[in-house]
Protein backbone atom coordinates (compact mmCIF):
# COMPACT_ATOMS: atom_id res chain seq x y z
CA UNK A 1 0.00 0.00 0.00
CA UNK A 2 2.80 2.44 0.92
CA UNK A 3 4.64 1.54 -2.31
CA UNK A 4 1.49 2.11 -4.39
CA UNK A 5 0.85 5.50 -2.70
CA UNK A 6 4.42 6.59 -3.39
CA UNK A 7 4.10 5.46 -6.99
CA UNK A 8 0.86 7.45 -7.47
CA UNK A 9 2.36 10.53 -5.80
CA UNK A 10 5.49 10.18 -7.95
CA UNK A 11 3.42 9.92 -11.13
CA UNK A 12 1.30 12.92 -10.18
CA UNK A 13 4.44 14.91 -9.41
CA UNK A 14 5.87 13.96 -12.81
CA UNK A 15 2.66 15.08 -14.53
CA UNK A 16 2.67 18.44 -12.70
CA UNK A 17 6.35 19.03 -13.48
CA UNK A 18 5.79 18.05 -17.12
CA UNK A 19 2.81 20.38 -17.43
CA UNK A 20 4.75 23.18 -15.76
CA UNK A 21 7.72 22.70 -18.11
CA UNK A 22 5.53 22.58 -21.19
CA UNK A 23 3.81 25.80 -20.08
CA UNK A 24 7.19 27.47 -19.63
CA UNK A 25 8.37 26.21 -23.02
CA UNK A 26 5.11 27.55 -24.48
CA UNK A 27 5.71 30.95 -22.85
CA UNK A 28 9.24 31.03 -24.24
CA UNK A 29 7.98 30.09 -27.72
CA UNK A 30 5.30 32.78 -27.51
CA UNK A 31 7.89 35.38 -26.46
CA UNK A 32 10.17 34.29 -29.30
CA UNK A 33 7.32 34.99 -31.74
CA UNK A 34 7.24 38.64 -30.67
CA UNK A 35 9.29 41.08 -32.67
CA UNK A 36 11.99 43.16 -31.05
CA UNK A 37 9.77 46.22 -31.55
CA UNK A 38 6.87 44.53 -29.76
CA UNK A 39 9.14 43.68 -26.83
CA UNK A 40 10.35 47.31 -26.74
CA UNK A 41 6.74 48.52 -26.74
CA UNK A 42 5.85 46.20 -23.84
CA UNK A 43 8.82 47.57 -21.92
CA UNK A 44 7.77 51.16 -22.69
CA UNK A 45 4.20 50.52 -21.54
CA UNK A 46 5.47 49.03 -18.28
CA UNK A 47 7.63 52.11 -17.65
CA UNK A 48 5.39 55.09 -18.40
CA UNK A 49 6.41 58.73 -18.50
CA UNK A 50 4.13 61.71 -17.94
CA UNK A 51 4.38 62.23 -21.72
CA UNK A 52 2.51 58.97 -22.33
CA UNK A 53 -0.63 60.40 -20.75
CA UNK A 54 -0.97 63.12 -23.37
CA UNK A 55 -2.48 63.04 -26.84
CA UNK A 56 -1.00 60.78 -29.52
CA UNK A 57 -1.83 63.18 -32.35
CA UNK A 58 -1.46 66.91 -32.99
CA UNK A 59 -2.63 69.35 -35.66
CA UNK A 60 0.10 69.64 -38.29
CA UNK A 61 -2.03 71.24 -41.02
CA UNK A 62 0.10 74.43 -41.01
CA UNK A 63 3.42 72.57 -41.12
CA UNK A 64 5.44 72.25 -44.32
CA UNK A 65 5.17 69.09 -46.45
CA UNK A 66 8.56 67.86 -45.19
CA UNK A 67 7.56 68.33 -41.54
CA UNK A 68 4.23 66.59 -42.16
CA UNK A 69 6.21 63.68 -43.62
CA UNK A 70 8.34 63.58 -40.45
CA UNK A 71 5.17 63.49 -38.37
CA UNK A 72 3.80 60.59 -40.46
CA UNK A 73 7.08 58.67 -39.96
CA UNK A 74 6.88 59.35 -36.22
CA UNK A 75 3.30 58.07 -36.12
CA UNK A 76 4.19 54.93 -38.08
CA UNK A 77 7.77 54.06 -37.18
CA UNK A 78 8.25 55.42 -33.66
CA UNK A 79 4.89 54.04 -32.59
CA UNK A 80 6.21 50.52 -33.13
CA UNK A 81 8.18 50.76 -29.88
CA UNK A 82 6.19 53.33 -27.84
CA UNK A 83 3.17 55.51 -28.30
CA UNK A 84 3.56 58.72 -30.33
CA UNK A 85 2.53 60.54 -27.14
CA UNK A 86 6.00 59.96 -25.67
CA UNK A 87 7.88 62.33 -28.00
CA UNK A 88 4.90 64.62 -28.72
CA UNK A 89 4.39 65.49 -25.05
CA UNK A 90 8.04 65.50 -24.06
CA UNK A 91 9.71 68.37 -22.24
CA UNK A 92 12.59 68.28 -24.73
CA UNK A 93 13.31 71.43 -26.64
CA UNK A 94 16.22 71.44 -29.07
CA UNK A 95 17.78 74.86 -29.44
CA UNK A 96 21.02 75.96 -31.06
CA UNK A 97 23.58 77.44 -28.63
CA UNK A 98 22.81 81.00 -29.80
CA UNK A 99 19.07 80.34 -29.33
CA UNK A 100 19.74 79.12 -25.80
CA UNK A 101 21.48 82.40 -24.96
CA UNK A 102 18.65 84.37 -26.58
CA UNK A 103 15.92 82.50 -24.70
CA UNK A 104 17.79 82.72 -21.39
CA UNK A 105 17.73 86.50 -21.78
CA UNK A 106 14.14 86.74 -23.09
CA UNK A 107 12.37 84.14 -20.97
CA UNK A 108 14.52 82.67 -18.19
CA UNK A 109 11.55 80.77 -16.73
CA UNK A 110 11.93 78.25 -19.58
CA UNK A 111 15.23 77.22 -17.96
CA UNK A 112 13.83 77.01 -14.43
CA UNK A 113 11.18 74.31 -14.97
CA UNK A 114 13.12 71.24 -16.24
CA UNK A 115 10.08 68.95 -16.26
CA UNK A 116 8.12 71.43 -18.39
CA UNK A 117 10.93 72.50 -20.72
CA UNK A 118 14.31 70.88 -21.10
CA UNK A 119 16.17 73.10 -23.56
CA UNK A 120 19.35 71.52 -24.88
CA UNK A 121 21.50 71.69 -27.95
CA UNK A 122 21.10 68.48 -29.99
CA UNK A 123 18.68 66.73 -27.61
CA UNK A 124 16.28 65.49 -30.31
CA UNK A 125 19.13 64.47 -32.55
CA UNK A 126 20.57 62.30 -29.75
CA UNK A 127 17.22 60.72 -28.98
CA UNK A 128 16.38 59.91 -32.59
CA UNK A 129 19.82 58.31 -33.07
CA UNK A 130 19.44 56.38 -29.83
CA UNK A 131 16.01 55.08 -30.81
CA UNK A 132 17.30 54.09 -34.25
CA UNK A 133 19.91 51.92 -32.53
CA UNK A 134 17.33 49.93 -30.55
CA UNK A 135 16.45 46.37 -31.54
CA UNK A 136 13.55 46.19 -33.96
CA UNK A 137 13.70 49.85 -34.96
CA UNK A 138 12.80 50.14 -38.63
CA UNK A 139 13.56 53.85 -39.00
CA UNK A 140 15.83 54.37 -42.01
CA UNK A 141 18.54 57.05 -41.97
CA UNK A 142 16.58 59.42 -44.24
CA UNK A 143 13.40 58.91 -42.17
CA UNK A 144 15.29 59.59 -38.95
CA UNK A 145 16.52 62.90 -40.30
CA UNK A 146 12.99 63.99 -41.25
CA UNK A 147 11.62 62.85 -37.85
CA UNK A 148 14.38 64.86 -36.14
CA UNK A 149 13.54 67.99 -38.18
CA UNK A 150 9.87 67.58 -37.28
CA UNK A 151 10.60 67.20 -33.55
CA UNK A 152 12.90 70.25 -33.47
CA UNK A 153 10.38 72.47 -35.28
CA UNK A 154 7.34 71.13 -33.47
CA UNK A 155 8.82 71.52 -30.01
CA UNK A 156 9.73 75.15 -30.70
CA UNK A 157 6.33 75.85 -32.23
CA UNK A 158 4.17 74.25 -29.54
CA UNK A 159 6.32 74.94 -26.46
CA UNK A 160 7.55 78.50 -26.95
CA UNK A 161 6.36 81.89 -28.09
CA UNK A 162 2.60 82.41 -28.16
CA UNK A 163 2.03 78.79 -27.07
CA UNK A 164 4.38 78.91 -24.07
CA UNK A 165 1.73 79.31 -21.34
CA UNK A 166 -0.57 76.74 -22.95
CA UNK A 167 2.32 74.26 -23.13
CA UNK A 168 3.29 74.86 -19.48
CA UNK A 169 -0.28 74.20 -18.32
CA UNK A 170 -0.49 71.06 -20.48
CA UNK A 171 2.82 69.68 -19.25
CA UNK A 172 2.02 70.41 -15.58
CA UNK A 173 -1.30 68.61 -16.00
CA UNK A 174 0.49 65.55 -17.43
CA UNK A 175 2.91 65.55 -14.49
CA UNK A 176 0.01 65.76 -12.01
CA UNK A 177 -1.80 62.90 -13.76
CA UNK A 178 1.37 60.81 -13.71
CA UNK A 179 1.85 61.47 -9.99
CA UNK A 180 -1.73 60.37 -9.31
CA UNK A 181 -1.83 57.35 -11.62
CA UNK A 182 1.76 56.08 -11.23
CA UNK A 183 3.07 57.48 -7.92
CA UNK A 184 6.04 55.13 -7.68
CA UNK A 185 7.11 55.79 -11.28
CA UNK A 186 6.56 59.53 -10.80
CA UNK A 187 8.83 59.56 -7.78
CA UNK A 188 11.45 57.55 -9.68
CA UNK A 189 11.44 59.94 -12.65
CA UNK A 190 10.60 63.34 -11.22
CA UNK A 191 10.54 63.23 -7.41
CA UNK A 192 14.22 63.01 -6.60
CA UNK A 193 15.18 65.72 -9.12
CA UNK A 194 13.03 68.50 -7.63
C-alpha atoms as a PDB file:
ATOM      1  CA  UNK A   1       0.000   0.000   0.000  1.00  0.00           C
ATOM      2  CA  UNK A   2       2.803   2.442   0.921  1.00  0.00           C
ATOM      3  CA  UNK A   3       4.638   1.539  -2.306  1.00  0.00           C
ATOM      4  CA  UNK A   4       1.493   2.108  -4.392  1.00  0.00           C
ATOM      5  CA  UNK A   5       0.849   5.497  -2.702  1.00  0.00           C
ATOM      6  CA  UNK A   6       4.422   6.592  -3.393  1.00  0.00           C
ATOM      7  CA  UNK A   7       4.096   5.458  -6.994  1.00  0.00           C
ATOM      8  CA  UNK A   8       0.860   7.449  -7.472  1.00  0.00           C
ATOM      9  CA  UNK A   9       2.363  10.527  -5.802  1.00  0.00           C
ATOM     10  CA  UNK A  10       5.487  10.175  -7.953  1.00  0.00           C
ATOM     11  CA  UNK A  11       3.422   9.920 -11.133  1.00  0.00           C
ATOM     12  CA  UNK A  12       1.298  12.919 -10.183  1.00  0.00           C
ATOM     13  CA  UNK A  13       4.441  14.912  -9.406  1.00  0.00           C
ATOM     14  CA  UNK A  14       5.869  13.962 -12.812  1.00  0.00           C
ATOM     15  CA  UNK A  15       2.664  15.078 -14.531  1.00  0.00           C
ATOM     16  CA  UNK A  16       2.671  18.440 -12.703  1.00  0.00           C
ATOM     17  CA  UNK A  17       6.351  19.034 -13.482  1.00  0.00           C
ATOM     18  CA  UNK A  18       5.786  18.050 -17.124  1.00  0.00           C
ATOM     19  CA  UNK A  19       2.810  20.382 -17.429  1.00  0.00           C
ATOM     20  CA  UNK A  20       4.752  23.181 -15.763  1.00  0.00           C
ATOM     21  CA  UNK A  21       7.715  22.704 -18.106  1.00  0.00           C
ATOM     22  CA  UNK A  22       5.528  22.582 -21.187  1.00  0.00           C
ATOM     23  CA  UNK A  23       3.810  25.802 -20.078  1.00  0.00           C
ATOM     24  CA  UNK A  24       7.188  27.472 -19.635  1.00  0.00           C
ATOM     25  CA  UNK A  25       8.370  26.214 -23.018  1.00  0.00           C
ATOM     26  CA  UNK A  26       5.105  27.552 -24.479  1.00  0.00           C
ATOM     27  CA  UNK A  27       5.707  30.951 -22.855  1.00  0.00           C
ATOM     28  CA  UNK A  28       9.239  31.032 -24.243  1.00  0.00           C
ATOM     29  CA  UNK A  29       7.979  30.090 -27.718  1.00  0.00           C
ATOM     30  CA  UNK A  30       5.303  32.780 -27.508  1.00  0.00           C
ATOM     31  CA  UNK A  31       7.890  35.382 -26.458  1.00  0.00           C
ATOM     32  CA  UNK A  32      10.168  34.295 -29.303  1.00  0.00           C
ATOM     33  CA  UNK A  33       7.322  34.991 -31.742  1.00  0.00           C
ATOM     34  CA  UNK A  34       7.235  38.645 -30.673  1.00  0.00           C
ATOM     35  CA  UNK A  35       9.290  41.079 -32.666  1.00  0.00           C
ATOM     36  CA  UNK A  36      11.991  43.157 -31.045  1.00  0.00           C
ATOM     37  CA  UNK A  37       9.770  46.215 -31.554  1.00  0.00           C
ATOM     38  CA  UNK A  38       6.865  44.530 -29.757  1.00  0.00           C
ATOM     39  CA  UNK A  39       9.138  43.683 -26.833  1.00  0.00           C
ATOM     40  CA  UNK A  40      10.348  47.313 -26.737  1.00  0.00           C
ATOM     41  CA  UNK A  41       6.736  48.522 -26.739  1.00  0.00           C
ATOM     42  CA  UNK A  42       5.846  46.200 -23.841  1.00  0.00           C
ATOM     43  CA  UNK A  43       8.818  47.573 -21.916  1.00  0.00           C
ATOM     44  CA  UNK A  44       7.771  51.162 -22.691  1.00  0.00           C
ATOM     45  CA  UNK A  45       4.202  50.518 -21.542  1.00  0.00           C
ATOM     46  CA  UNK A  46       5.471  49.029 -18.279  1.00  0.00           C
ATOM     47  CA  UNK A  47       7.632  52.106 -17.652  1.00  0.00           C
ATOM     48  CA  UNK A  48       5.393  55.089 -18.398  1.00  0.00           C
ATOM     49  CA  UNK A  49       6.409  58.728 -18.500  1.00  0.00           C
ATOM     50  CA  UNK A  50       4.125  61.708 -17.940  1.00  0.00           C
ATOM     51  CA  UNK A  51       4.382  62.229 -21.717  1.00  0.00           C
ATOM     52  CA  UNK A  52       2.509  58.970 -22.332  1.00  0.00           C
ATOM     53  CA  UNK A  53      -0.633  60.404 -20.748  1.00  0.00           C
ATOM     54  CA  UNK A  54      -0.970  63.124 -23.369  1.00  0.00           C
ATOM     55  CA  UNK A  55      -2.475  63.039 -26.843  1.00  0.00           C
ATOM     56  CA  UNK A  56      -1.000  60.784 -29.521  1.00  0.00           C
ATOM     57  CA  UNK A  57      -1.830  63.183 -32.353  1.00  0.00           C
ATOM     58  CA  UNK A  58      -1.465  66.914 -32.990  1.00  0.00           C
ATOM     59  CA  UNK A  59      -2.628  69.350 -35.663  1.00  0.00           C
ATOM     60  CA  UNK A  60       0.104  69.641 -38.292  1.00  0.00           C
ATOM     61  CA  UNK A  61      -2.026  71.243 -41.023  1.00  0.00           C
ATOM     62  CA  UNK A  62       0.099  74.426 -41.013  1.00  0.00           C
ATOM     63  CA  UNK A  63       3.423  72.572 -41.118  1.00  0.00           C
ATOM     64  CA  UNK A  64       5.443  72.246 -44.322  1.00  0.00           C
ATOM     65  CA  UNK A  65       5.168  69.092 -46.448  1.00  0.00           C
ATOM     66  CA  UNK A  66       8.560  67.863 -45.189  1.00  0.00           C
ATOM     67  CA  UNK A  67       7.557  68.331 -41.537  1.00  0.00           C
ATOM     68  CA  UNK A  68       4.232  66.588 -42.163  1.00  0.00           C
ATOM     69  CA  UNK A  69       6.206  63.681 -43.620  1.00  0.00           C
ATOM     70  CA  UNK A  70       8.336  63.583 -40.454  1.00  0.00           C
ATOM     71  CA  UNK A  71       5.169  63.485 -38.368  1.00  0.00           C
ATOM     72  CA  UNK A  72       3.799  60.589 -40.458  1.00  0.00           C
ATOM     73  CA  UNK A  73       7.078  58.671 -39.962  1.00  0.00           C
ATOM     74  CA  UNK A  74       6.880  59.354 -36.225  1.00  0.00           C
ATOM     75  CA  UNK A  75       3.303  58.069 -36.123  1.00  0.00           C
ATOM     76  CA  UNK A  76       4.188  54.928 -38.083  1.00  0.00           C
ATOM     77  CA  UNK A  77       7.770  54.060 -37.177  1.00  0.00           C
ATOM     78  CA  UNK A  78       8.254  55.419 -33.664  1.00  0.00           C
ATOM     79  CA  UNK A  79       4.894  54.036 -32.593  1.00  0.00           C
ATOM     80  CA  UNK A  80       6.213  50.517 -33.135  1.00  0.00           C
ATOM     81  CA  UNK A  81       8.183  50.761 -29.879  1.00  0.00           C
ATOM     82  CA  UNK A  82       6.194  53.332 -27.838  1.00  0.00           C
ATOM     83  CA  UNK A  83       3.170  55.511 -28.300  1.00  0.00           C
ATOM     84  CA  UNK A  84       3.559  58.719 -30.330  1.00  0.00           C
ATOM     85  CA  UNK A  85       2.531  60.537 -27.135  1.00  0.00           C
ATOM     86  CA  UNK A  86       5.996  59.964 -25.673  1.00  0.00           C
ATOM     87  CA  UNK A  87       7.877  62.333 -28.003  1.00  0.00           C
ATOM     88  CA  UNK A  88       4.899  64.619 -28.723  1.00  0.00           C
ATOM     89  CA  UNK A  89       4.391  65.486 -25.054  1.00  0.00           C
ATOM     90  CA  UNK A  90       8.044  65.498 -24.056  1.00  0.00           C
ATOM     91  CA  UNK A  91       9.705  68.368 -22.242  1.00  0.00           C
ATOM     92  CA  UNK A  92      12.594  68.275 -24.735  1.00  0.00           C
ATOM     93  CA  UNK A  93      13.312  71.434 -26.639  1.00  0.00           C
ATOM     94  CA  UNK A  94      16.219  71.436 -29.068  1.00  0.00           C
ATOM     95  CA  UNK A  95      17.785  74.858 -29.439  1.00  0.00           C
ATOM     96  CA  UNK A  96      21.019  75.965 -31.062  1.00  0.00           C
ATOM     97  CA  UNK A  97      23.582  77.443 -28.629  1.00  0.00           C
ATOM     98  CA  UNK A  98      22.807  81.001 -29.803  1.00  0.00           C
ATOM     99  CA  UNK A  99      19.072  80.338 -29.334  1.00  0.00           C
ATOM    100  CA  UNK A 100      19.736  79.124 -25.797  1.00  0.00           C
ATOM    101  CA  UNK A 101      21.477  82.402 -24.962  1.00  0.00           C
ATOM    102  CA  UNK A 102      18.650  84.370 -26.578  1.00  0.00           C
ATOM    103  CA  UNK A 103      15.920  82.503 -24.700  1.00  0.00           C
ATOM    104  CA  UNK A 104      17.788  82.721 -21.386  1.00  0.00           C
ATOM    105  CA  UNK A 105      17.735  86.500 -21.780  1.00  0.00           C
ATOM    106  CA  UNK A 106      14.135  86.737 -23.085  1.00  0.00           C
ATOM    107  CA  UNK A 107      12.370  84.138 -20.965  1.00  0.00           C
ATOM    108  CA  UNK A 108      14.523  82.670 -18.191  1.00  0.00           C
ATOM    109  CA  UNK A 109      11.553  80.766 -16.731  1.00  0.00           C
ATOM    110  CA  UNK A 110      11.925  78.245 -19.581  1.00  0.00           C
ATOM    111  CA  UNK A 111      15.235  77.220 -17.958  1.00  0.00           C
ATOM    112  CA  UNK A 112      13.827  77.009 -14.428  1.00  0.00           C
ATOM    113  CA  UNK A 113      11.184  74.313 -14.969  1.00  0.00           C
ATOM    114  CA  UNK A 114      13.118  71.240 -16.239  1.00  0.00           C
ATOM    115  CA  UNK A 115      10.081  68.953 -16.260  1.00  0.00           C
ATOM    116  CA  UNK A 116       8.124  71.428 -18.391  1.00  0.00           C
ATOM    117  CA  UNK A 117      10.933  72.498 -20.724  1.00  0.00           C
ATOM    118  CA  UNK A 118      14.309  70.875 -21.101  1.00  0.00           C
ATOM    119  CA  UNK A 119      16.171  73.102 -23.561  1.00  0.00           C
ATOM    120  CA  UNK A 120      19.355  71.522 -24.884  1.00  0.00           C
ATOM    121  CA  UNK A 121      21.499  71.689 -27.948  1.00  0.00           C
ATOM    122  CA  UNK A 122      21.102  68.479 -29.989  1.00  0.00           C
ATOM    123  CA  UNK A 123      18.679  66.729 -27.611  1.00  0.00           C
ATOM    124  CA  UNK A 124      16.277  65.490 -30.307  1.00  0.00           C
ATOM    125  CA  UNK A 125      19.134  64.473 -32.550  1.00  0.00           C
ATOM    126  CA  UNK A 126      20.572  62.303 -29.751  1.00  0.00           C
ATOM    127  CA  UNK A 127      17.223  60.719 -28.979  1.00  0.00           C
ATOM    128  CA  UNK A 128      16.384  59.908 -32.589  1.00  0.00           C
ATOM    129  CA  UNK A 129      19.819  58.305 -33.074  1.00  0.00           C
ATOM    130  CA  UNK A 130      19.443  56.376 -29.828  1.00  0.00           C
ATOM    131  CA  UNK A 131      16.010  55.082 -30.806  1.00  0.00           C
ATOM    132  CA  UNK A 132      17.302  54.089 -34.251  1.00  0.00           C
ATOM    133  CA  UNK A 133      19.911  51.921 -32.533  1.00  0.00           C
ATOM    134  CA  UNK A 134      17.335  49.934 -30.551  1.00  0.00           C
ATOM    135  CA  UNK A 135      16.455  46.369 -31.539  1.00  0.00           C
ATOM    136  CA  UNK A 136      13.550  46.190 -33.959  1.00  0.00           C
ATOM    137  CA  UNK A 137      13.695  49.853 -34.962  1.00  0.00           C
ATOM    138  CA  UNK A 138      12.803  50.142 -38.633  1.00  0.00           C
ATOM    139  CA  UNK A 139      13.563  53.851 -38.995  1.00  0.00           C
ATOM    140  CA  UNK A 140      15.832  54.374 -42.008  1.00  0.00           C
ATOM    141  CA  UNK A 141      18.541  57.053 -41.970  1.00  0.00           C
ATOM    142  CA  UNK A 142      16.581  59.425 -44.243  1.00  0.00           C
ATOM    143  CA  UNK A 143      13.403  58.909 -42.174  1.00  0.00           C
ATOM    144  CA  UNK A 144      15.295  59.586 -38.947  1.00  0.00           C
ATOM    145  CA  UNK A 145      16.522  62.901 -40.298  1.00  0.00           C
ATOM    146  CA  UNK A 146      12.990  63.995 -41.247  1.00  0.00           C
ATOM    147  CA  UNK A 147      11.620  62.849 -37.854  1.00  0.00           C
ATOM    148  CA  UNK A 148      14.375  64.860 -36.140  1.00  0.00           C
ATOM    149  CA  UNK A 149      13.535  67.985 -38.180  1.00  0.00           C
ATOM    150  CA  UNK A 150       9.871  67.583 -37.279  1.00  0.00           C
ATOM    151  CA  UNK A 151      10.602  67.203 -33.554  1.00  0.00           C
ATOM    152  CA  UNK A 152      12.899  70.250 -33.474  1.00  0.00           C
ATOM    153  CA  UNK A 153      10.384  72.468 -35.285  1.00  0.00           C
ATOM    154  CA  UNK A 154       7.337  71.128 -33.471  1.00  0.00           C
ATOM    155  CA  UNK A 155       8.824  71.515 -30.008  1.00  0.00           C
ATOM    156  CA  UNK A 156       9.732  75.148 -30.698  1.00  0.00           C
ATOM    157  CA  UNK A 157       6.329  75.845 -32.233  1.00  0.00           C
ATOM    158  CA  UNK A 158       4.167  74.247 -29.543  1.00  0.00           C
ATOM    159  CA  UNK A 159       6.321  74.940 -26.460  1.00  0.00           C
ATOM    160  CA  UNK A 160       7.550  78.498 -26.949  1.00  0.00           C
ATOM    161  CA  UNK A 161       6.355  81.886 -28.090  1.00  0.00           C
ATOM    162  CA  UNK A 162       2.600  82.411 -28.155  1.00  0.00           C
ATOM    163  CA  UNK A 163       2.025  78.790 -27.068  1.00  0.00           C
ATOM    164  CA  UNK A 164       4.379  78.909 -24.066  1.00  0.00           C
ATOM    165  CA  UNK A 165       1.727  79.306 -21.339  1.00  0.00           C
ATOM    166  CA  UNK A 166      -0.566  76.738 -22.949  1.00  0.00           C
ATOM    167  CA  UNK A 167       2.324  74.261 -23.128  1.00  0.00           C
ATOM    168  CA  UNK A 168       3.294  74.861 -19.483  1.00  0.00           C
ATOM    169  CA  UNK A 169      -0.281  74.201 -18.324  1.00  0.00           C
ATOM    170  CA  UNK A 170      -0.491  71.055 -20.480  1.00  0.00           C
ATOM    171  CA  UNK A 171       2.820  69.679 -19.250  1.00  0.00           C
ATOM    172  CA  UNK A 172       2.023  70.407 -15.579  1.00  0.00           C
ATOM    173  CA  UNK A 173      -1.298  68.608 -15.999  1.00  0.00           C
ATOM    174  CA  UNK A 174       0.486  65.554 -17.428  1.00  0.00           C
ATOM    175  CA  UNK A 175       2.908  65.554 -14.491  1.00  0.00           C
ATOM    176  CA  UNK A 176       0.010  65.763 -12.011  1.00  0.00           C
ATOM    177  CA  UNK A 177      -1.796  62.896 -13.759  1.00  0.00           C
ATOM    178  CA  UNK A 178       1.371  60.811 -13.709  1.00  0.00           C
ATOM    179  CA  UNK A 179       1.853  61.466  -9.990  1.00  0.00           C
ATOM    180  CA  UNK A 180      -1.728  60.372  -9.307  1.00  0.00           C
ATOM    181  CA  UNK A 181      -1.826  57.355 -11.623  1.00  0.00           C
ATOM    182  CA  UNK A 182       1.764  56.081 -11.233  1.00  0.00           C
ATOM    183  CA  UNK A 183       3.067  57.479  -7.916  1.00  0.00           C
ATOM    184  CA  UNK A 184       6.041  55.131  -7.681  1.00  0.00           C
ATOM    185  CA  UNK A 185       7.112  55.785 -11.279  1.00  0.00           C
ATOM    186  CA  UNK A 186       6.558  59.530 -10.805  1.00  0.00           C
ATOM    187  CA  UNK A 187       8.835  59.559  -7.777  1.00  0.00           C
ATOM    188  CA  UNK A 188      11.448  57.551  -9.679  1.00  0.00           C
ATOM    189  CA  UNK A 189      11.444  59.941 -12.653  1.00  0.00           C
ATOM    190  CA  UNK A 190      10.600  63.339 -11.215  1.00  0.00           C
ATOM    191  CA  UNK A 191      10.545  63.228  -7.412  1.00  0.00           C
ATOM    192  CA  UNK A 192      14.222  63.014  -6.600  1.00  0.00           C
ATOM    193  CA  UNK A 193      15.178  65.717  -9.125  1.00  0.00           C
ATOM    194  CA  UNK A 194      13.034  68.504  -7.634  1.00  0.00           C
END
